[in-house]
Protein backbone atom coordinates (compact mmCIF):
# COMPACT_ATOMS: atom_id res chain seq x y z
CA UNK A 1 -8.29 -54.39 -15.15
CA UNK A 2 -10.85 -52.30 -17.24
CA UNK A 3 -10.39 -48.89 -18.25
CA UNK A 4 -11.84 -46.25 -15.69
CA UNK A 5 -14.94 -44.74 -16.52
CA UNK A 6 -16.94 -41.60 -15.65
CA UNK A 7 -20.64 -42.66 -15.11
CA UNK A 8 -21.59 -39.02 -15.45
CA UNK A 9 -19.84 -38.47 -18.79
CA UNK A 10 -21.41 -41.60 -20.15
CA UNK A 11 -24.81 -40.56 -18.91
CA UNK A 12 -24.48 -36.96 -20.52
CA UNK A 13 -23.69 -38.53 -23.83
CA UNK A 14 -26.72 -40.79 -23.45
CA UNK A 15 -29.23 -38.15 -22.43
CA UNK A 16 -28.42 -35.81 -25.36
CA UNK A 17 -29.43 -38.79 -27.78
CA UNK A 18 -32.25 -39.71 -25.49
CA UNK A 19 -33.80 -36.15 -25.46
CA UNK A 20 -34.11 -36.47 -29.36
CA UNK A 21 -35.29 -40.15 -29.18
CA UNK A 22 -37.46 -39.94 -26.38
CA UNK A 23 -40.22 -41.99 -28.39
CA UNK A 24 -38.05 -45.25 -28.38
CA UNK A 25 -39.07 -46.61 -25.14
CA UNK A 26 -42.66 -45.79 -25.91
CA UNK A 27 -42.59 -48.38 -28.75
CA UNK A 28 -41.05 -50.78 -26.33
CA UNK A 29 -43.82 -50.19 -24.12
CA UNK A 30 -46.45 -50.28 -26.91
CA UNK A 31 -44.85 -53.79 -27.85
CA UNK A 32 -45.21 -55.14 -24.21
CA UNK A 33 -48.74 -53.85 -23.97
CA UNK A 34 -49.74 -55.51 -27.39
CA UNK A 35 -47.93 -58.84 -26.17
CA UNK A 36 -50.02 -58.81 -23.01
CA UNK A 37 -53.25 -58.03 -24.76
CA UNK A 38 -52.33 -60.90 -27.22
CA UNK A 39 -52.02 -63.04 -24.10
CA UNK A 40 -55.67 -62.07 -23.21
CA UNK A 41 -55.14 -59.26 -20.66
CA UNK A 42 -57.42 -56.34 -21.02
CA UNK A 43 -55.56 -53.40 -22.54
CA UNK A 44 -56.21 -51.39 -19.33
CA UNK A 45 -54.89 -54.26 -17.32
CA UNK A 46 -51.72 -54.52 -19.34
CA UNK A 47 -50.88 -50.93 -18.61
CA UNK A 48 -51.28 -51.55 -15.01
CA UNK A 49 -48.95 -54.50 -15.45
CA UNK A 50 -46.42 -52.75 -17.33
CA UNK A 51 -46.27 -49.72 -14.65
CA UNK A 52 -46.04 -52.13 -11.95
CA UNK A 53 -43.09 -53.68 -13.50
CA UNK A 54 -41.52 -50.59 -14.35
CA UNK A 55 -42.02 -48.77 -10.86
CA UNK A 56 -40.37 -51.85 -9.30
CA UNK A 57 -37.52 -51.76 -11.66
CA UNK A 58 -37.07 -48.14 -11.53
CA UNK A 59 -36.50 -48.83 -7.53
CA UNK A 60 -34.60 -52.05 -7.69
CA UNK A 61 -32.40 -51.37 -10.88
CA UNK A 62 -30.05 -48.50 -9.01
CA UNK A 63 -29.79 -50.57 -6.02
CA UNK A 64 -28.58 -53.54 -7.82
CA UNK A 65 -26.30 -51.36 -9.95
CA UNK A 66 -24.44 -49.95 -6.89
CA UNK A 67 -23.94 -53.00 -5.23
CA UNK A 68 -22.51 -54.31 -8.57
CA UNK A 69 -20.22 -51.37 -8.43
CA UNK A 70 -19.24 -51.69 -4.87
CA UNK A 71 -18.49 -55.53 -5.59
CA UNK A 72 -16.52 -54.93 -8.76
CA UNK A 73 -14.46 -51.73 -6.87
CA UNK A 74 -13.62 -53.91 -4.30
CA UNK A 75 -12.64 -56.52 -6.29
CA UNK A 76 -10.09 -53.85 -8.06
CA UNK A 77 -11.95 -53.68 -11.15
CA UNK A 78 -14.19 -51.12 -12.76
CA UNK A 79 -17.49 -51.67 -14.81
CA UNK A 80 -17.09 -51.10 -18.60
CA UNK A 81 -18.96 -48.23 -20.28
CA UNK A 82 -20.97 -50.68 -21.97
CA UNK A 83 -22.61 -51.79 -18.69
CA UNK A 84 -23.33 -47.92 -17.77
CA UNK A 85 -24.95 -47.53 -21.19
CA UNK A 86 -26.95 -50.77 -20.72
CA UNK A 87 -28.13 -49.54 -17.22
CA UNK A 88 -29.16 -46.02 -18.51
CA UNK A 89 -31.05 -47.67 -21.41
CA UNK A 90 -33.17 -49.83 -18.77
CA UNK A 91 -33.36 -47.14 -16.12
CA UNK A 92 -34.49 -44.44 -18.65
CA UNK A 93 -37.29 -46.89 -20.12
CA UNK A 94 -38.50 -47.53 -16.44
CA UNK A 95 -38.30 -43.91 -15.26
CA UNK A 96 -39.98 -42.62 -18.44
CA UNK A 97 -42.86 -45.40 -18.20
CA UNK A 98 -43.38 -44.84 -14.41
CA UNK A 99 -43.69 -41.23 -14.73
CA UNK A 100 -46.13 -41.66 -17.35
CA UNK A 101 -48.57 -43.67 -14.97
CA UNK A 102 -48.88 -40.52 -13.11
CA UNK A 103 -49.86 -38.56 -16.05
CA UNK A 104 -52.39 -40.79 -17.75
CA UNK A 105 -54.29 -43.86 -17.36
CA UNK A 106 -54.45 -47.21 -19.13
CA UNK A 107 -58.17 -46.09 -20.02
CA UNK A 108 -57.03 -43.16 -21.66
CA UNK A 109 -54.19 -44.89 -23.56
CA UNK A 110 -56.59 -47.63 -24.49
CA UNK A 111 -60.03 -46.12 -25.13
CA UNK A 112 -59.67 -42.25 -25.47
CA UNK A 113 -59.08 -40.86 -28.89
CA UNK A 114 -58.63 -37.00 -28.21
CA UNK A 115 -55.51 -36.94 -30.16
CA UNK A 116 -53.05 -36.78 -27.36
CA UNK A 117 -52.73 -40.43 -26.36
CA UNK A 118 -49.07 -41.22 -25.21
CA UNK A 119 -48.09 -37.78 -25.51
CA UNK A 120 -47.05 -37.71 -22.00
CA UNK A 121 -44.45 -40.49 -22.78
CA UNK A 122 -42.36 -37.73 -24.36
CA UNK A 123 -42.30 -35.39 -21.62
CA UNK A 124 -41.81 -38.14 -19.08
CA UNK A 125 -38.58 -39.18 -21.40
CA UNK A 126 -37.31 -35.68 -20.73
CA UNK A 127 -38.04 -35.74 -17.05
CA UNK A 128 -36.28 -38.92 -16.81
CA UNK A 129 -32.96 -37.28 -18.09
CA UNK A 130 -32.06 -35.29 -14.93
CA UNK A 131 -33.02 -38.46 -12.54
CA UNK A 132 -30.45 -40.55 -14.80
CA UNK A 133 -27.82 -37.79 -14.18
CA UNK A 134 -28.68 -37.56 -10.44
CA UNK A 135 -28.14 -41.53 -10.37
CA UNK A 136 -24.82 -41.01 -12.22
CA UNK A 137 -23.69 -38.60 -9.75
CA UNK A 138 -24.24 -41.00 -6.92
CA UNK A 139 -22.71 -43.95 -8.85
CA UNK A 140 -19.65 -41.93 -9.38
CA UNK A 141 -19.71 -41.25 -5.55
CA UNK A 142 -20.14 -45.04 -4.86
CA UNK A 143 -17.21 -45.65 -7.02
CA UNK A 144 -14.99 -43.12 -5.52
CA UNK A 145 -15.73 -44.20 -1.94
CA UNK A 146 -15.14 -47.96 -3.01
CA UNK A 147 -11.76 -46.83 -4.23
CA UNK A 148 -10.99 -45.04 -1.21
CA UNK A 149 -12.17 -47.88 1.06
CA UNK A 150 -9.74 -50.40 -1.36
CA UNK A 151 -7.05 -48.30 -0.53
CA UNK A 152 -7.58 -47.99 2.84
CA UNK A 153 -7.85 -51.88 3.03
CA UNK A 154 -4.56 -52.34 1.27
CA UNK A 155 -2.65 -49.61 3.42
CA UNK A 156 -3.82 -50.73 6.89
């Protein structure tokens, strides 16, 4: 049995760091964009692909993570803190990139040189923090509910 973890506590620590390091996922997104354009995609189309993947991931990843919490909990185990940190990194990136698609366009990022290209990503990184904290509260609820269900199963 692994050590019990509070998803919210882990995410709070992650959020403090991500407030100051919001630019890191931007470099990853730019790397993906460069790879896609290197493979022959137009720059604008590359951003559309990245944003489609990020929106899909932003929706699916918490569902899969909650299912994993539930399965592990019913088996009598808890997820290690590294799994929560890994989820936070992935989900933070997906949220940041998805929100950026609302504030800018691939055309602006690729072809406009007004001095603000990509600055939206920093703000969306900050906007992603409350979403991550809310997800962690939800995951702590799922974990607590699973523990109650497991207790009820064993005591019935």
